[in-house]
Amino acid sequence: MTKKVAVVAVGGNALIKDKTKKTIPDQFDAAAETMGHIADMIQQGWDVVLTHGNGPQVGFILRRAEIALHELHPVPLDYCGADTQGAIGYMFQKALRNEFKKRGMDKEAVTVVTQCRVDTDDSAFKKPSKPIGSFLDEETAKERMQEGKTFVEDAGRGWRQVVPSPIPQEIIEVDAIKSLIAAGFVVVSVGGGGIPVIEKEDGSLRGIEAVIDKDFASSLLANSIDADLLLISTAVEKVALNFNTPDEVFLDKMTVAEAKQYIEEGQFAPGSMLPKVQAIIKFLEAGGKQALITDPPNIPRALKGETGTWIYP
């Protein structure tokens, strides 16, 4: 049987289901549930490369650093990304190993701490927009601005740091990821969109204060490894038009042209469904074959064509 490779971008709800369940054991329980659905997919014959978000987890690290400011050194944002890739990768690896053992499957998962190169002239650097960390009062925010950081006032809730969100151009560890897939491993990579790095004139890499969108990084990864499918797992079973209104319509499938039309109409919310659809368009226009959006419990059914929203070139 010819193996099919899928990049599966796991949404934030795969780790933190609600505001009352944020502890590490809570996150592991949520991860284990999602990994059960991923194991179903692997049993259906897919080679899977997993990606994931890390927004809340990076927020927790930054908050701890704030609380410990007078005792310990701050943690740069690129290292927060590396920390969370390792920790979430560990959760996924352990959950998958337990699932494989239970099912008698001869599989193993491995995490690659992944760097993504971005361009220094990306327009995102001129207009930081991605909020990170906790809310601060105006005085503290203005003090931090003296250190060269950018803060914005957020809807009366306080001041929050914003950082650039550049488009990823290259996955540094892509050859290692390809080798691991070929060797039969389930690979966890580009966690949190990958650690953003820039390449200096001498070819050396430097980590930067930025956040790469997880779905765009997953799209680039899927193209880079010539994946047969990009699957973006999120909180909804299908993509909807007129979402949360009496005229709501769920989509079984759409083409790139239709997706672009819906974006023009403002159908998809920024920071929610919009980047997912944009990332899929990018994947398909760069040679991708097909993409799917659904929620974790429905992944096995969606792969059989029973649910989910399929997107085609």
Protein backbone atom coordinates (compact mmCIF):
# COMPACT_ATOMS: atom_id res chain seq x y z
CA MET A 1 0.00 0.00 0.00
CA THR A 2 1.37 3.43 -0.95
CA LYS A 3 1.67 5.62 2.12
CA LYS A 4 -0.04 8.99 2.08
CA VAL A 5 1.50 11.87 4.04
CA ALA A 6 -0.71 14.33 5.91
CA VAL A 7 0.28 17.45 7.83
CA VAL A 8 -2.21 17.82 10.67
CA ALA A 9 -2.32 21.25 12.32
CA VAL A 10 -3.77 20.74 15.79
CA GLY A 11 -5.73 23.74 17.12
CA GLY A 12 -5.50 25.34 20.55
CA ASN A 13 -8.57 23.48 21.81
CA ALA A 14 -6.55 20.26 21.58
CA LEU A 15 -4.69 21.33 24.73
CA ILE A 16 -6.86 23.82 26.61
CA LYS A 17 -10.54 22.99 26.32
CA ASP A 18 -11.82 25.78 28.56
CA LYS A 19 -10.65 28.38 31.08
CA THR A 20 -11.08 26.02 34.03
CA LYS A 21 -8.71 23.38 32.62
CA LYS A 22 -5.30 24.93 32.12
CA THR A 23 -3.00 22.84 34.33
CA ILE A 24 -0.35 20.57 32.83
CA PRO A 25 -2.35 17.39 33.69
CA ASP A 26 -5.46 18.99 32.13
CA GLN A 27 -3.49 19.81 28.99
CA PHE A 28 -2.11 16.28 28.80
CA ASP A 29 -5.60 14.77 29.15
CA ALA A 30 -6.83 16.97 26.29
CA ALA A 31 -3.78 16.08 24.17
CA ALA A 32 -4.31 12.36 24.84
CA GLU A 33 -7.91 12.62 23.62
CA THR A 34 -6.82 14.31 20.37
CA MET A 35 -3.97 11.84 19.85
CA GLY A 36 -6.55 9.02 19.98
CA HIS A 37 -8.17 10.52 16.86
CA ILE A 38 -4.72 10.89 15.24
CA ALA A 39 -4.00 7.20 15.96
CA ASP A 40 -7.27 6.34 14.15
CA MET A 41 -5.96 8.27 11.16
CA ILE A 42 -2.63 6.43 11.24
CA GLN A 43 -4.50 3.11 11.38
CA GLN A 44 -6.31 4.21 8.20
CA GLY A 45 -2.89 4.22 6.49
CA TRP A 46 -1.73 7.83 6.80
CA ASP A 47 1.79 8.97 7.67
CA VAL A 48 1.18 11.93 9.93
CA VAL A 49 3.23 15.04 10.66
CA LEU A 50 1.71 17.00 13.55
CA THR A 51 1.94 20.74 14.12
CA HIS A 52 0.36 22.70 16.96
CA GLY A 53 -0.28 26.11 18.45
CA ASN A 54 1.41 27.38 21.62
CA GLY A 55 -0.12 30.80 22.34
CA PRO A 56 -1.42 30.17 25.87
CA GLN A 57 1.68 28.19 26.87
CA VAL A 58 4.02 30.98 25.74
CA GLY A 59 1.77 33.37 27.67
CA PHE A 60 2.23 31.28 30.85
CA ILE A 61 6.06 31.35 30.48
CA LEU A 62 6.06 35.12 29.94
CA ARG A 63 3.79 35.62 32.97
CA ARG A 64 6.05 33.48 35.19
CA ALA A 65 9.02 35.52 33.98
CA GLU A 66 7.16 38.74 34.87
CA ILE A 67 6.36 37.50 38.37
CA ALA A 68 9.98 36.39 38.90
CA LEU A 69 11.46 39.55 37.36
CA HIS A 70 13.39 40.57 40.50
CA GLU A 71 14.89 37.11 40.99
CA LEU A 72 15.42 35.55 37.58
CA HIS A 73 16.41 36.54 34.04
CA PRO A 74 13.70 37.20 31.44
CA VAL A 75 13.03 34.54 28.77
CA PRO A 76 13.39 35.79 25.16
CA LEU A 77 10.41 35.00 22.95
CA ASP A 78 12.32 32.62 20.65
CA TYR A 79 13.31 30.54 23.70
CA CYS A 80 9.67 30.53 24.87
CA GLY A 81 8.87 28.97 21.49
CA ALA A 82 11.59 26.35 21.91
CA ASP A 83 10.45 25.54 25.47
CA THR A 84 6.85 25.01 24.39
CA GLN A 85 7.80 22.94 21.33
CA GLY A 86 9.63 20.56 23.66
CA ALA A 87 6.92 20.43 26.33
CA ILE A 88 3.96 20.02 23.95
CA GLY A 89 5.96 17.59 21.81
CA TYR A 90 6.58 15.53 24.95
CA MET A 91 2.83 15.47 25.66
CA PHE A 92 2.06 14.33 22.11
CA GLN A 93 4.85 11.72 22.09
CA LYS A 94 3.77 10.21 25.40
CA ALA A 95 0.07 10.23 24.49
CA LEU A 96 0.77 8.64 21.09
CA ARG A 97 3.08 5.99 22.55
CA ASN A 98 0.39 5.02 25.08
CA GLU A 99 -2.21 4.90 22.29
CA PHE A 100 0.02 2.79 20.00
CA LYS A 101 0.80 0.37 22.84
CA LYS A 102 -2.91 -0.01 23.65
CA ARG A 103 -3.70 -0.76 19.98
CA GLY A 104 -0.68 -3.02 19.38
CA MET A 105 0.69 -0.63 16.74
CA ASP A 106 4.41 -0.68 15.95
CA LYS A 107 4.85 3.11 15.69
CA GLU A 108 6.86 5.79 17.43
CA ALA A 109 6.55 9.58 17.64
CA VAL A 110 9.40 12.08 17.71
CA THR A 111 9.54 15.86 18.12
CA VAL A 112 11.76 18.16 16.08
CA VAL A 113 12.42 21.57 17.64
CA THR A 114 11.89 23.54 14.44
CA GLN A 115 13.20 26.91 13.27
CA CYS A 116 11.53 28.86 10.46
CA ARG A 117 13.42 31.48 8.51
CA VAL A 118 11.62 34.76 7.89
CA ASP A 119 12.65 37.74 5.74
CA THR A 120 14.02 40.80 7.52
CA ASP A 121 12.15 43.01 5.04
CA ASP A 122 8.75 41.39 5.76
CA SER A 123 6.21 44.21 6.13
CA ALA A 124 5.08 42.68 9.46
CA PHE A 125 8.20 44.13 11.12
CA LYS A 126 6.95 47.65 10.36
CA LYS A 127 3.58 46.94 12.01
CA PRO A 128 3.72 44.54 14.97
CA SER A 129 0.23 43.08 15.45
CA LYS A 130 0.39 39.79 17.39
CA PRO A 131 -0.47 40.24 21.11
CA ILE A 132 1.61 38.26 23.62
CA GLY A 133 1.89 38.12 27.41
CA SER A 134 -0.37 39.58 30.04
CA PHE A 135 -2.26 42.87 30.34
CA LEU A 136 -0.33 45.71 31.96
CA ASP A 137 -1.27 49.15 33.27
CA GLU A 138 -0.37 52.15 31.13
CA GLU A 139 2.58 53.24 33.30
CA THR A 140 4.29 49.83 33.20
CA ALA A 141 3.64 49.48 29.46
CA LYS A 142 5.22 52.88 28.78
CA GLU A 143 8.26 51.92 30.87
CA ARG A 144 8.69 48.77 28.76
CA MET A 145 8.34 50.83 25.57
CA GLN A 146 11.52 52.65 26.62
CA GLU A 147 13.24 49.24 26.16
CA GLY A 148 12.18 49.24 22.50
CA LYS A 149 9.09 47.02 22.86
CA THR A 150 5.71 47.87 21.30
CA PHE A 151 2.56 47.96 23.42
CA VAL A 152 -1.03 48.75 22.46
CA GLU A 153 -4.13 49.46 24.50
CA ASP A 154 -6.57 46.56 24.11
CA ALA A 155 -10.28 47.42 24.25
CA GLY A 156 -10.13 48.94 27.72
CA ARG A 157 -8.67 45.77 29.24
CA GLY A 158 -5.15 47.18 29.64
CA TRP A 159 -1.96 47.41 27.61
CA ARG A 160 -0.45 44.40 25.87
CA GLN A 161 2.81 43.82 24.03
CA VAL A 162 2.52 43.20 20.29
CA VAL A 163 5.20 41.59 18.13
CA PRO A 164 5.55 41.09 14.36
CA SER A 165 3.94 38.05 12.69
CA PRO A 166 6.04 37.53 9.55
CA ILE A 167 5.33 34.93 6.83
CA PRO A 168 7.60 31.86 7.10
CA GLN A 169 9.91 31.39 4.09
CA GLU A 170 11.89 28.23 4.87
CA ILE A 171 11.78 25.39 7.41
CA ILE A 172 15.37 24.94 8.55
CA GLU A 173 14.99 21.31 9.69
CA VAL A 174 12.95 20.14 6.68
CA ASP A 175 15.51 17.48 5.60
CA ALA A 176 15.49 15.94 9.08
CA ILE A 177 11.68 15.90 9.04
CA LYS A 178 11.64 14.18 5.62
CA SER A 179 14.12 11.54 6.84
CA LEU A 180 12.04 10.82 9.93
CA ILE A 181 8.84 10.45 7.85
CA ALA A 182 10.65 8.08 5.47
CA ALA A 183 11.82 6.04 8.48
CA GLY A 184 8.19 5.63 9.61
CA PHE A 185 8.10 8.04 12.57
CA VAL A 186 5.12 10.21 13.47
CA VAL A 187 6.77 13.65 13.52
CA VAL A 188 5.80 16.64 15.67
CA SER A 189 7.25 19.81 14.15
CA VAL A 190 6.86 23.59 13.54
CA GLY A 191 5.17 23.86 16.94
CA GLY A 192 3.71 27.32 17.47
CA GLY A 193 4.56 28.15 13.86
CA GLY A 194 8.23 27.36 14.40
CA ILE A 195 10.87 29.52 16.07
CA PRO A 196 11.30 32.62 13.88
CA VAL A 197 14.91 33.16 12.83
CA ILE A 198 16.60 35.47 10.38
CA GLU A 199 19.67 34.57 8.34
CA LYS A 200 22.54 37.01 8.63
CA GLU A 201 24.92 37.85 5.77
CA ASP A 202 27.44 35.25 6.95
CA GLY A 203 24.73 32.55 6.85
CA SER A 204 24.33 32.30 10.63
CA LEU A 205 20.87 32.30 12.19
CA ARG A 206 19.53 34.61 14.88
CA GLY A 207 16.28 34.13 16.78
CA ILE A 208 13.97 37.15 16.87
CA GLU A 209 11.03 38.53 18.86
CA ALA A 210 8.19 37.52 16.57
CA VAL A 211 5.39 34.95 16.26
CA ILE A 212 4.74 32.96 13.08
CA ASP A 213 1.15 31.94 12.40
CA LYS A 214 0.86 28.20 13.02
CA ASP A 215 -1.38 27.60 10.00
CA PHE A 216 0.95 29.41 7.58
CA ALA A 217 3.91 27.40 8.91
CA SER A 218 1.89 24.18 8.54
CA SER A 219 1.04 25.16 4.95
CA LEU A 220 4.72 25.78 4.14
CA LEU A 221 5.68 22.48 5.78
CA ALA A 222 3.05 20.60 3.77
CA ASN A 223 4.42 22.06 0.52
CA SER A 224 8.04 21.48 1.58
CA ILE A 225 7.51 17.75 2.18
CA ASP A 226 5.08 17.33 -0.73
CA ALA A 227 2.26 16.21 1.58
CA ASP A 228 -0.86 14.62 0.08
CA LEU A 229 -3.13 16.45 2.53
CA LEU A 230 -3.12 19.51 4.78
CA LEU A 231 -5.61 18.94 7.59
CA ILE A 232 -6.37 21.88 9.87
CA SER A 233 -8.08 20.65 13.01
CA THR A 234 -10.09 23.30 14.85
CA ALA A 235 -13.11 23.75 17.14
CA VAL A 236 -15.78 23.26 14.45
CA GLU A 237 -16.83 20.21 12.44
CA LYS A 238 -17.26 22.21 9.20
CA VAL A 239 -16.58 25.69 7.87
CA ALA A 240 -19.69 27.86 7.87
CA LEU A 241 -20.89 30.85 5.89
CA ASN A 242 -22.83 33.46 7.92
CA PHE A 243 -21.31 31.85 11.03
CA ASN A 244 -23.45 32.02 14.19
CA THR A 245 -26.38 33.69 12.43
CA PRO A 246 -29.85 32.34 11.50
CA ASP A 247 -28.60 32.09 7.88
CA GLU A 248 -25.65 29.85 8.78
CA VAL A 249 -24.72 27.40 6.01
CA PHE A 250 -22.15 24.61 6.48
CA LEU A 251 -19.83 23.80 3.59
CA ASP A 252 -18.98 20.25 2.52
CA LYS A 253 -16.39 21.50 0.03
CA MET A 254 -15.08 24.59 -1.70
CA THR A 255 -12.53 25.50 -4.35
CA VAL A 256 -9.73 28.06 -4.02
CA ALA A 257 -11.74 30.47 -6.19
CA GLU A 258 -14.80 30.09 -3.94
CA ALA A 259 -12.65 30.48 -0.80
CA LYS A 260 -11.22 33.74 -2.17
CA GLN A 261 -14.74 34.98 -2.94
CA TYR A 262 -15.89 34.21 0.63
CA ILE A 263 -12.85 36.08 1.99
CA GLU A 264 -13.79 39.08 -0.19
CA GLU A 265 -17.27 38.93 1.33
CA GLY A 266 -15.79 38.98 4.85
CA GLN A 267 -17.19 35.54 5.70
CA PHE A 268 -14.22 34.39 7.82
CA ALA A 269 -13.21 36.04 11.09
CA PRO A 270 -9.64 37.42 11.36
CA GLY A 271 -7.63 35.52 13.98
CA SER A 272 -10.03 32.59 13.69
CA MET A 273 -11.14 30.93 10.43
CA LEU A 274 -9.54 33.50 8.09
CA PRO A 275 -5.85 32.53 8.58
CA LYS A 276 -6.77 28.84 8.27
CA VAL A 277 -8.44 29.36 4.90
CA GLN A 278 -5.65 31.70 3.74
CA ALA A 279 -3.01 29.09 4.70
CA ILE A 280 -4.91 26.41 2.77
CA ILE A 281 -5.15 28.66 -0.31
CA LYS A 282 -1.37 29.19 -0.09
CA PHE A 283 -0.79 25.40 0.13
CA LEU A 284 -3.06 24.59 -2.83
CA GLU A 285 -1.72 27.41 -5.03
CA ALA A 286 1.83 26.17 -4.39
CA GLY A 287 0.96 22.70 -5.72
CA GLY A 288 -0.94 21.09 -2.85
CA LYS A 289 -3.60 18.52 -3.80
CA GLN A 290 -6.31 18.83 -1.16
CA ALA A 291 -7.02 20.23 2.29
CA LEU A 292 -9.53 19.55 5.03
CA ILE A 293 -10.91 21.50 8.00
CA THR A 294 -12.72 19.69 10.82
CA ASP A 295 -12.59 19.11 14.59
CA PRO A 296 -10.49 16.31 16.20
CA PRO A 297 -13.33 13.86 17.01
CA ASN A 298 -14.51 13.97 13.38
CA ILE A 299 -11.10 13.43 11.73
CA PRO A 300 -11.64 9.68 11.05
CA ARG A 301 -15.14 10.28 9.60
CA ALA A 302 -14.00 13.31 7.59
CA LEU A 303 -11.20 11.28 5.97
CA LYS A 304 -13.87 8.86 4.74
CA GLY A 305 -15.72 11.82 3.17
CA GLU A 306 -18.56 11.75 5.70
CA THR A 307 -18.04 15.23 7.20
CA GLY A 308 -15.64 18.18 7.41
CA THR A 309 -15.02 20.84 4.76
CA TRP A 310 -12.77 19.77 1.87
CA ILE A 311 -10.91 22.42 -0.13
CA TYR A 312 -9.54 21.77 -3.63
CA PRO A 313 -7.47 23.81 -6.16
